[in-house]
Protein backbone atom coordinates (compact mmCIF):
# COMPACT_ATOMS: atom_id res chain seq x y z
CA MET A 1 0.00 0.02 0.03
CA VAL A 2 2.88 2.45 0.83
CA ASP A 3 4.42 1.61 -2.56
CA ILE A 4 1.27 2.81 -4.33
CA LEU A 5 1.19 6.06 -2.26
CA VAL A 6 4.87 6.71 -3.02
CA SER A 7 4.41 5.91 -6.72
CA ARG A 8 1.49 8.31 -6.97
CA ILE A 9 3.33 11.11 -5.24
CA VAL A 10 6.45 10.63 -7.33
CA HIS A 11 4.40 10.30 -10.51
CA LEU A 12 2.47 13.49 -9.89
CA VAL A 13 5.50 15.52 -8.81
CA PHE A 14 7.46 14.66 -11.93
CA ALA A 15 4.43 15.11 -14.15
CA ALA A 16 3.87 18.57 -12.79
CA LEU A 17 7.55 19.57 -13.00
CA TRP A 18 7.76 18.30 -16.61
CA ALA A 19 4.43 19.89 -17.76
CA GLY A 20 5.17 23.14 -15.99
CA SER A 21 8.68 23.42 -17.41
CA VAL A 22 7.49 22.76 -20.91
CA CYS A 23 4.70 25.28 -20.60
CA TYR A 24 7.00 27.92 -19.19
CA VAL A 25 9.44 27.47 -22.08
CA ALA A 26 6.72 27.34 -24.69
CA PHE A 27 4.65 30.30 -23.49
CA VAL A 28 7.24 32.57 -21.72
CA VAL A 29 10.89 31.90 -22.60
CA LEU A 30 10.75 31.23 -26.40
CA PRO A 31 8.46 34.22 -27.18
CA LEU A 32 10.80 36.48 -25.24
CA ALA A 33 13.81 35.06 -27.17
CA ARG A 34 12.01 35.36 -30.52
CA ASP A 35 11.21 38.95 -29.78
CA GLY A 36 14.82 39.80 -28.93
CA ALA A 37 14.75 40.03 -25.14
CA PHE A 38 18.05 38.11 -24.79
CA ASN A 39 21.41 39.54 -25.74
CA THR A 40 23.27 36.18 -25.75
CA THR A 41 22.55 32.60 -26.55
CA LYS A 42 23.96 31.30 -23.26
CA PRO A 43 20.75 31.45 -21.19
CA LEU A 44 18.82 29.50 -23.94
CA GLU A 45 21.64 27.02 -24.29
CA VAL A 46 21.53 26.35 -20.52
CA MET A 47 17.76 26.24 -20.42
CA SER A 48 17.60 23.79 -23.36
CA GLY A 49 20.06 21.52 -21.76
CA LYS A 50 18.26 21.51 -18.42
CA LEU A 51 14.87 21.04 -20.00
CA THR A 52 16.15 18.05 -22.06
CA THR A 53 17.66 16.53 -18.81
CA LEU A 54 14.43 17.12 -16.93
CA SER A 55 12.30 15.78 -19.84
CA ARG A 56 14.31 12.55 -20.13
CA ALA A 57 14.42 11.92 -16.36
CA SER A 58 10.67 12.61 -16.06
CA ALA A 59 9.90 10.31 -18.95
CA VAL A 60 11.73 7.50 -17.27
CA VAL A 61 10.27 8.15 -13.82
CA LEU A 62 6.83 8.44 -15.19
CA PHE A 63 7.19 5.29 -17.16
CA LEU A 64 8.36 3.35 -14.09
CA SER A 65 5.88 4.83 -11.60
CA GLY A 66 3.03 4.77 -14.04
CA GLY A 67 3.82 1.15 -15.00
CA HIS A 68 3.80 0.18 -11.37
CA LEU A 69 0.54 1.94 -10.79
CA ALA A 70 -1.16 0.42 -13.85
CA GLY A 71 0.19 -3.08 -12.98
CA THR A 72 -1.29 -2.89 -9.51
CA THR A 73 -4.55 -1.26 -10.45
CA TYR A 74 -5.64 -2.77 -13.74
CA THR A 75 -5.94 -6.20 -15.28
CA VAL A 76 -5.28 -6.95 -18.95
CA GLY A 77 -8.28 -9.11 -19.46
CA ASP A 78 -11.39 -10.09 -17.61
CA GLY A 79 -9.77 -10.22 -14.20
CA ALA A 80 -10.93 -9.32 -10.73
CA GLY A 81 -10.13 -5.59 -11.20
CA PRO A 82 -10.84 -3.07 -13.79
CA GLY A 83 -9.49 -3.89 -17.24
CA LEU A 84 -6.81 -1.69 -18.79
CA PHE A 85 -8.52 -1.95 -22.17
CA THR A 86 -12.10 -2.40 -21.09
CA SER A 87 -12.58 0.24 -18.30
CA THR A 88 -12.89 3.89 -18.94
CA ASN A 89 -10.14 4.72 -16.44
CA GLY A 90 -7.95 2.01 -18.09
CA GLN A 91 -8.47 3.63 -21.48
CA LEU A 92 -7.64 7.03 -20.00
CA VAL A 93 -4.37 5.47 -18.78
CA LEU A 94 -3.66 4.28 -22.32
CA ALA A 95 -4.43 7.80 -23.62
CA MET A 96 -2.03 9.15 -21.06
CA VAL A 97 0.74 6.82 -22.30
CA ALA A 98 0.16 8.15 -25.86
CA LEU A 99 0.33 11.76 -24.67
CA TRP A 100 3.41 10.91 -22.59
CA LEU A 101 5.12 9.56 -25.70
CA ALA A 102 4.05 12.57 -27.73
CA LEU A 103 5.35 15.03 -25.10
CA ALA A 104 8.70 13.29 -24.93
CA VAL A 105 9.11 13.35 -28.74
CA LEU A 106 7.98 17.02 -29.05
CA VAL A 107 10.44 18.15 -26.39
CA GLU A 108 13.27 16.23 -28.02
CA VAL A 109 12.43 17.71 -31.47
CA GLY A 110 11.98 21.20 -30.12
CA SER A 111 15.16 21.17 -28.10
CA LYS A 112 17.12 19.87 -31.09
CA ARG A 113 15.83 22.66 -33.26
CA LEU A 114 16.68 25.19 -30.63
CA ARG A 115 20.21 23.82 -29.97
CA THR A 116 21.05 23.54 -33.68
CA GLY A 117 20.35 27.27 -34.22
CA LEU A 118 21.99 28.33 -31.02
CA ASP A 119 25.19 26.44 -32.03
CA GLY A 120 25.36 28.83 -35.01
CA LYS A 121 25.15 31.74 -32.44
CA LYS A 122 21.77 32.77 -33.77
CA LEU A 123 19.13 33.70 -31.26
CA ARG A 124 15.75 34.89 -32.72
CA GLU A 125 15.55 32.38 -35.61
CA PRO A 126 16.05 29.21 -33.44
CA ALA A 127 13.44 30.49 -31.02
CA HIS A 128 11.09 31.11 -33.96
CA GLU A 129 11.77 27.64 -35.37
CA ALA A 130 11.29 25.82 -32.03
CA LEU A 131 8.23 27.77 -30.82
CA PRO A 132 5.53 25.84 -32.72
CA VAL A 133 6.94 22.54 -31.58
CA PHE A 134 7.20 23.73 -27.93
CA ARG A 135 3.66 25.16 -28.09
CA ALA A 136 2.34 21.82 -29.27
CA ALA A 137 4.27 20.20 -26.45
CA GLY A 138 2.67 22.70 -23.97
CA VAL A 139 -0.83 21.75 -25.22
CA VAL A 140 0.10 18.07 -24.86
CA ALA A 141 1.42 18.67 -21.33
CA ILE A 142 -1.80 20.37 -20.31
CA GLY A 143 -3.78 17.49 -21.78
CA LEU A 144 -1.71 15.08 -19.75
CA LEU A 145 -2.57 16.94 -16.60
CA VAL A 146 -6.25 17.04 -17.55
CA VAL A 147 -6.31 13.27 -18.00
CA ALA A 148 -4.31 12.71 -14.87
CA GLY A 149 -6.81 14.89 -12.94
CA THR A 150 -9.70 12.95 -14.45
CA ILE A 151 -8.31 9.65 -13.34
CA SER A 152 -7.10 10.84 -9.94
CA GLY A 153 -10.34 12.68 -9.14
CA GLY A 154 -12.56 9.76 -10.19
CA LEU A 155 -14.50 12.01 -12.53
CA VAL A 156 -15.46 9.07 -14.74
CA ARG A 157 -17.97 8.07 -12.08
CA PHE A 158 -19.85 11.31 -12.49
CA VAL A 159 -20.25 11.18 -16.22
């Protein structure tokens, strides 16, 4: 029982850190960089590296903690508990896995676009190139939190 509590806490903390970081970069940092608020590429280089590290670490932690939670909560077939493929919450978990994968890919692609331009000592152009990818990642991150809230809050019972 304690393992489930710890898994939920770790899962939600890393999900919030990841989603919040991506949204901050997508909706605050990159628009500022695109509009010329930075004088040097160094802050964006550091931010991109830290975001990539956080994204990769969060993806691993969420995979492990989410896998543990799904394995202890859902059955694959017609078992004693709710089915991963047959229950609404189980299907929401599968949707969350798809969103998790999309977020990881979008952050990797956006960070690569940003780093490639920053390596050429350009500032506005790489921010402009990476912005749509990070905005899509921000929307996916918000979607992940909405699905997580739906599962955690038991909102499926009320629909």
